[in-house]
Amino acid sequence: MHHPTFSINSLCHLFGKQDYDRAAESRNLAFPIWGEAWHNTYHGFPTFSRHGADGRQIDLSAQFIELIEKLGIAYDVMRVGAARRARKTLNAVS
């Protein structure tokens, strides 16, 4: 489990798509390893519980967090609304 996670962290600073303008030069790479592959989203919203912010992006970590929230184990889960994400996208109109 550690190797894919660490590899994704390196690869997502070299390859992939940038959805959010971030100085870290991170990118989203469509590779479903828990949620780490949505690395640009993580840099854009580090406290957001779902790094696969788009409904089509697989994020197993977020699904696990949602499950334990429903079970009452997790609480105060951070979410970012679509309007806030839209304001930070690279193609947003200022």
N, C-alpha and C. Protein backbone atom coordinates (compact mmCIF):
# COMPACT_ATOMS: atom_id res chain seq x y z
N MET A 1 0.81 -1.20 0.00
CA MET A 1 0.00 0.00 0.00
C MET A 1 0.86 1.26 0.00
N HIS A 2 2.02 1.21 0.65
CA HIS A 2 2.85 2.41 0.72
C HIS A 2 3.46 2.78 -0.63
N HIS A 3 3.88 1.79 -1.41
CA HIS A 3 4.53 2.08 -2.68
C HIS A 3 3.62 2.84 -3.65
N PRO A 4 2.38 2.41 -3.87
CA PRO A 4 1.51 3.20 -4.76
C PRO A 4 1.27 4.61 -4.23
N THR A 5 1.09 4.74 -2.93
CA THR A 5 0.85 6.06 -2.35
C THR A 5 2.03 6.99 -2.56
N PHE A 6 3.23 6.51 -2.24
CA PHE A 6 4.42 7.35 -2.41
C PHE A 6 4.71 7.63 -3.89
N SER A 7 4.48 6.64 -4.74
CA SER A 7 4.69 6.83 -6.18
C SER A 7 3.74 7.87 -6.73
N ILE A 8 2.49 7.79 -6.32
CA ILE A 8 1.49 8.76 -6.79
C ILE A 8 1.90 10.17 -6.40
N ASN A 9 2.40 10.35 -5.18
CA ASN A 9 2.82 11.67 -4.74
C ASN A 9 3.90 12.23 -5.66
N SER A 10 4.81 11.41 -6.11
CA SER A 10 5.87 11.86 -7.02
C SER A 10 5.32 12.06 -8.44
N LEU A 11 4.60 11.09 -8.94
CA LEU A 11 4.09 11.16 -10.32
C LEU A 11 3.15 12.33 -10.54
N CYS A 12 2.35 12.66 -9.53
CA CYS A 12 1.36 13.73 -9.68
C CYS A 12 1.97 15.13 -9.63
N HIS A 13 3.26 15.21 -9.48
CA HIS A 13 3.94 16.50 -9.63
C HIS A 13 4.62 16.57 -10.99
N LEU A 14 4.50 15.50 -11.78
CA LEU A 14 5.10 15.47 -13.11
C LEU A 14 4.07 15.32 -14.22
N PHE A 15 3.07 14.46 -14.01
CA PHE A 15 2.11 14.13 -15.06
C PHE A 15 0.69 14.39 -14.58
N GLY A 16 -0.20 14.61 -15.53
CA GLY A 16 -1.62 14.73 -15.21
C GLY A 16 -2.19 16.09 -15.56
N LYS A 17 -3.37 16.32 -15.07
CA LYS A 17 -4.15 17.52 -15.40
C LYS A 17 -4.21 18.45 -14.19
N GLN A 18 -4.04 19.73 -14.44
CA GLN A 18 -4.19 20.71 -13.36
C GLN A 18 -5.57 21.33 -13.43
N ASP A 19 -6.37 21.09 -12.41
CA ASP A 19 -7.69 21.69 -12.34
C ASP A 19 -7.67 23.00 -11.56
N TYR A 20 -6.73 23.12 -10.64
CA TYR A 20 -6.65 24.29 -9.78
C TYR A 20 -5.26 24.90 -9.88
N ASP A 21 -5.19 26.20 -9.86
CA ASP A 21 -3.92 26.91 -9.99
C ASP A 21 -3.18 26.88 -8.66
N ARG A 22 -2.13 26.09 -8.58
CA ARG A 22 -1.38 25.96 -7.34
C ARG A 22 0.11 26.07 -7.62
N ALA A 23 0.83 26.74 -6.77
CA ALA A 23 2.27 26.92 -6.92
C ALA A 23 3.04 25.61 -6.82
N ALA A 24 2.47 24.60 -6.18
CA ALA A 24 3.17 23.32 -5.99
C ALA A 24 3.29 22.52 -7.28
N GLU A 25 2.67 22.99 -8.38
CA GLU A 25 2.72 22.29 -9.66
C GLU A 25 2.19 20.87 -9.58
N SER A 26 1.22 20.64 -8.73
CA SER A 26 0.62 19.31 -8.59
C SER A 26 -0.41 19.09 -9.70
N ARG A 27 -0.69 17.84 -9.95
CA ARG A 27 -1.64 17.48 -11.00
C ARG A 27 -2.53 16.32 -10.53
N ASN A 28 -3.69 16.21 -11.19
CA ASN A 28 -4.58 15.08 -10.97
C ASN A 28 -4.25 14.02 -12.00
N LEU A 29 -4.07 12.80 -11.56
CA LEU A 29 -3.75 11.69 -12.43
C LEU A 29 -4.85 10.65 -12.27
N ALA A 30 -5.54 10.33 -13.34
CA ALA A 30 -6.67 9.41 -13.28
C ALA A 30 -6.18 7.99 -13.00
N PHE A 31 -5.87 7.74 -11.75
CA PHE A 31 -5.35 6.45 -11.31
C PHE A 31 -5.93 6.19 -9.93
N PRO A 32 -6.87 5.26 -9.80
CA PRO A 32 -7.62 5.12 -8.54
C PRO A 32 -6.84 4.42 -7.41
N ILE A 33 -5.95 5.12 -6.77
CA ILE A 33 -5.27 4.62 -5.56
C ILE A 33 -5.82 5.44 -4.40
N TRP A 34 -6.82 4.94 -3.76
CA TRP A 34 -7.49 5.54 -2.60
C TRP A 34 -8.02 6.93 -2.88
N GLY A 35 -7.30 7.86 -3.30
CA GLY A 35 -7.73 9.23 -3.54
C GLY A 35 -6.53 10.13 -3.71
N GLU A 36 -5.34 9.58 -3.46
CA GLU A 36 -4.12 10.36 -3.57
C GLU A 36 -3.85 10.83 -4.99
N ALA A 37 -4.37 10.13 -6.00
CA ALA A 37 -4.11 10.50 -7.39
C ALA A 37 -4.76 11.83 -7.75
N TRP A 38 -5.72 12.27 -6.98
CA TRP A 38 -6.35 13.58 -7.21
C TRP A 38 -5.55 14.61 -6.43
N HIS A 39 -4.26 14.64 -6.72
CA HIS A 39 -3.28 15.40 -5.94
C HIS A 39 -3.45 16.91 -6.09
N ASN A 40 -3.84 17.37 -7.27
CA ASN A 40 -4.04 18.80 -7.48
C ASN A 40 -5.22 19.30 -6.65
N THR A 41 -6.26 18.48 -6.54
CA THR A 41 -7.40 18.85 -5.70
C THR A 41 -6.96 18.93 -4.24
N TYR A 42 -6.11 17.99 -3.81
CA TYR A 42 -5.58 18.03 -2.45
C TYR A 42 -4.83 19.34 -2.19
N HIS A 43 -3.98 19.75 -3.12
CA HIS A 43 -3.24 21.00 -2.93
C HIS A 43 -4.18 22.21 -2.97
N GLY A 44 -5.25 22.11 -3.74
CA GLY A 44 -6.22 23.20 -3.80
C GLY A 44 -7.07 23.32 -2.55
N PHE A 45 -7.40 22.18 -1.96
CA PHE A 45 -8.28 22.14 -0.78
C PHE A 45 -7.74 21.09 0.19
N PRO A 46 -6.67 21.36 0.92
CA PRO A 46 -6.03 20.33 1.75
C PRO A 46 -6.89 19.75 2.87
N THR A 47 -7.90 20.46 3.34
CA THR A 47 -8.73 19.93 4.42
C THR A 47 -10.00 19.23 3.91
N PHE A 48 -10.22 19.26 2.61
CA PHE A 48 -11.40 18.64 2.00
C PHE A 48 -11.30 17.13 2.16
N SER A 49 -12.37 16.50 2.62
CA SER A 49 -12.35 15.05 2.86
C SER A 49 -12.38 14.24 1.57
N ARG A 50 -12.71 14.86 0.46
CA ARG A 50 -12.82 14.15 -0.83
C ARG A 50 -11.88 14.81 -1.82
N HIS A 51 -10.79 14.12 -2.17
CA HIS A 51 -9.86 14.67 -3.16
C HIS A 51 -10.33 14.38 -4.57
N GLY A 52 -11.12 13.35 -4.75
CA GLY A 52 -11.79 13.11 -6.01
C GLY A 52 -13.08 13.92 -6.00
N ALA A 53 -12.95 15.24 -6.17
CA ALA A 53 -14.07 16.16 -5.95
C ALA A 53 -15.17 16.00 -6.99
N ASP A 54 -14.81 15.66 -8.20
CA ASP A 54 -15.79 15.44 -9.25
C ASP A 54 -16.46 14.09 -8.99
N GLY A 55 -17.73 14.01 -9.15
CA GLY A 55 -18.45 12.77 -8.88
C GLY A 55 -17.97 11.57 -9.68
N ARG A 56 -17.29 11.81 -10.80
CA ARG A 56 -16.76 10.72 -11.63
C ARG A 56 -15.38 10.26 -11.19
N GLN A 57 -14.76 10.96 -10.26
CA GLN A 57 -13.41 10.61 -9.79
C GLN A 57 -13.50 9.64 -8.62
N ILE A 58 -12.95 8.45 -8.80
CA ILE A 58 -13.00 7.43 -7.75
C ILE A 58 -12.09 7.84 -6.60
N ASP A 59 -12.63 7.83 -5.40
CA ASP A 59 -11.86 8.20 -4.20
C ASP A 59 -12.28 7.27 -3.07
N LEU A 60 -11.57 6.16 -2.94
CA LEU A 60 -11.92 5.16 -1.93
C LEU A 60 -11.74 5.68 -0.51
N SER A 61 -10.77 6.55 -0.29
CA SER A 61 -10.59 7.14 1.04
C SER A 61 -11.82 7.94 1.45
N ALA A 62 -12.32 8.73 0.52
CA ALA A 62 -13.51 9.54 0.82
C ALA A 62 -14.72 8.66 1.10
N GLN A 63 -14.84 7.57 0.36
CA GLN A 63 -15.95 6.66 0.61
C GLN A 63 -15.85 6.04 2.00
N PHE A 64 -14.64 5.71 2.41
CA PHE A 64 -14.44 5.17 3.75
C PHE A 64 -14.78 6.22 4.81
N ILE A 65 -14.35 7.46 4.59
CA ILE A 65 -14.65 8.54 5.54
C ILE A 65 -16.17 8.73 5.64
N GLU A 66 -16.86 8.70 4.50
CA GLU A 66 -18.32 8.84 4.51
C GLU A 66 -18.98 7.70 5.28
N LEU A 67 -18.46 6.49 5.13
CA LEU A 67 -19.00 5.34 5.86
C LEU A 67 -18.84 5.51 7.36
N ILE A 68 -17.63 5.86 7.80
CA ILE A 68 -17.44 5.98 9.25
C ILE A 68 -18.15 7.22 9.81
N GLU A 69 -18.41 8.20 8.97
CA GLU A 69 -19.23 9.33 9.41
C GLU A 69 -20.67 8.86 9.64
N LYS A 70 -21.20 8.05 8.73
CA LYS A 70 -22.56 7.53 8.89
C LYS A 70 -22.69 6.63 10.11
N LEU A 71 -21.59 5.95 10.44
CA LEU A 71 -21.58 5.09 11.63
C LEU A 71 -21.39 5.89 12.92
N GLY A 72 -21.14 7.18 12.81
CA GLY A 72 -20.96 8.03 13.98
C GLY A 72 -19.56 8.02 14.55
N ILE A 73 -18.61 7.43 13.82
CA ILE A 73 -17.23 7.38 14.30
C ILE A 73 -16.48 8.67 13.93
N ALA A 74 -16.76 9.20 12.75
CA ALA A 74 -16.14 10.46 12.30
C ALA A 74 -17.19 11.56 12.36
N TYR A 75 -16.76 12.75 12.66
CA TYR A 75 -17.67 13.90 12.70
C TYR A 75 -16.90 15.15 12.30
N ASP A 76 -17.61 16.23 12.04
CA ASP A 76 -17.02 17.48 11.55
C ASP A 76 -16.19 17.25 10.30
N VAL A 77 -16.69 16.42 9.40
CA VAL A 77 -15.99 16.12 8.15
C VAL A 77 -16.04 17.35 7.25
N MET A 78 -14.89 17.75 6.75
CA MET A 78 -14.78 18.96 5.94
C MET A 78 -15.23 18.69 4.51
N ARG A 79 -16.06 19.58 3.99
CA ARG A 79 -16.52 19.50 2.61
C ARG A 79 -16.33 20.86 1.95
N VAL A 80 -16.18 20.84 0.65
CA VAL A 80 -16.04 22.06 -0.13
C VAL A 80 -17.12 22.04 -1.19
N GLY A 81 -17.92 23.07 -1.23
CA GLY A 81 -19.02 23.13 -2.19
C GLY A 81 -18.56 23.37 -3.61
N ALA A 82 -19.44 23.08 -4.55
CA ALA A 82 -19.13 23.24 -5.97
C ALA A 82 -18.82 24.69 -6.32
N ALA A 83 -19.49 25.65 -5.69
CA ALA A 83 -19.24 27.06 -5.99
C ALA A 83 -17.81 27.46 -5.59
N ARG A 84 -17.36 27.00 -4.46
CA ARG A 84 -15.99 27.32 -4.02
C ARG A 84 -14.96 26.67 -4.94
N ARG A 85 -15.22 25.42 -5.33
CA ARG A 85 -14.30 24.75 -6.27
C ARG A 85 -14.27 25.49 -7.60
N ALA A 86 -15.44 25.92 -8.07
CA ALA A 86 -15.51 26.63 -9.36
C ALA A 86 -14.71 27.93 -9.34
N ARG A 87 -14.71 28.61 -8.20
CA ARG A 87 -13.94 29.87 -8.10
C ARG A 87 -12.44 29.65 -8.22
N LYS A 88 -11.97 28.45 -7.86
CA LYS A 88 -10.54 28.18 -7.88
C LYS A 88 -10.06 27.43 -9.13
N THR A 89 -10.98 27.09 -10.03
CA THR A 89 -10.55 26.34 -11.21
C THR A 89 -9.72 27.23 -12.12
N LEU A 90 -8.85 26.59 -12.91
CA LEU A 90 -7.97 27.33 -13.80
C LEU A 90 -8.73 28.10 -14.85
N ASN A 91 -9.87 27.59 -15.29
CA ASN A 91 -10.64 28.27 -16.33
C ASN A 91 -11.74 29.18 -15.77
N ALA A 92 -11.68 29.49 -14.46
CA ALA A 92 -12.69 30.36 -13.85
C ALA A 92 -12.51 31.78 -14.35
N VAL A 93 -13.61 32.48 -14.55
CA VAL A 93 -13.58 33.87 -14.97
C VAL A 93 -13.48 34.75 -13.74
N SER A 94 -12.48 35.63 -13.71
CA SER A 94 -12.29 36.49 -12.55
C SER A 94 -13.11 37.75 -12.64
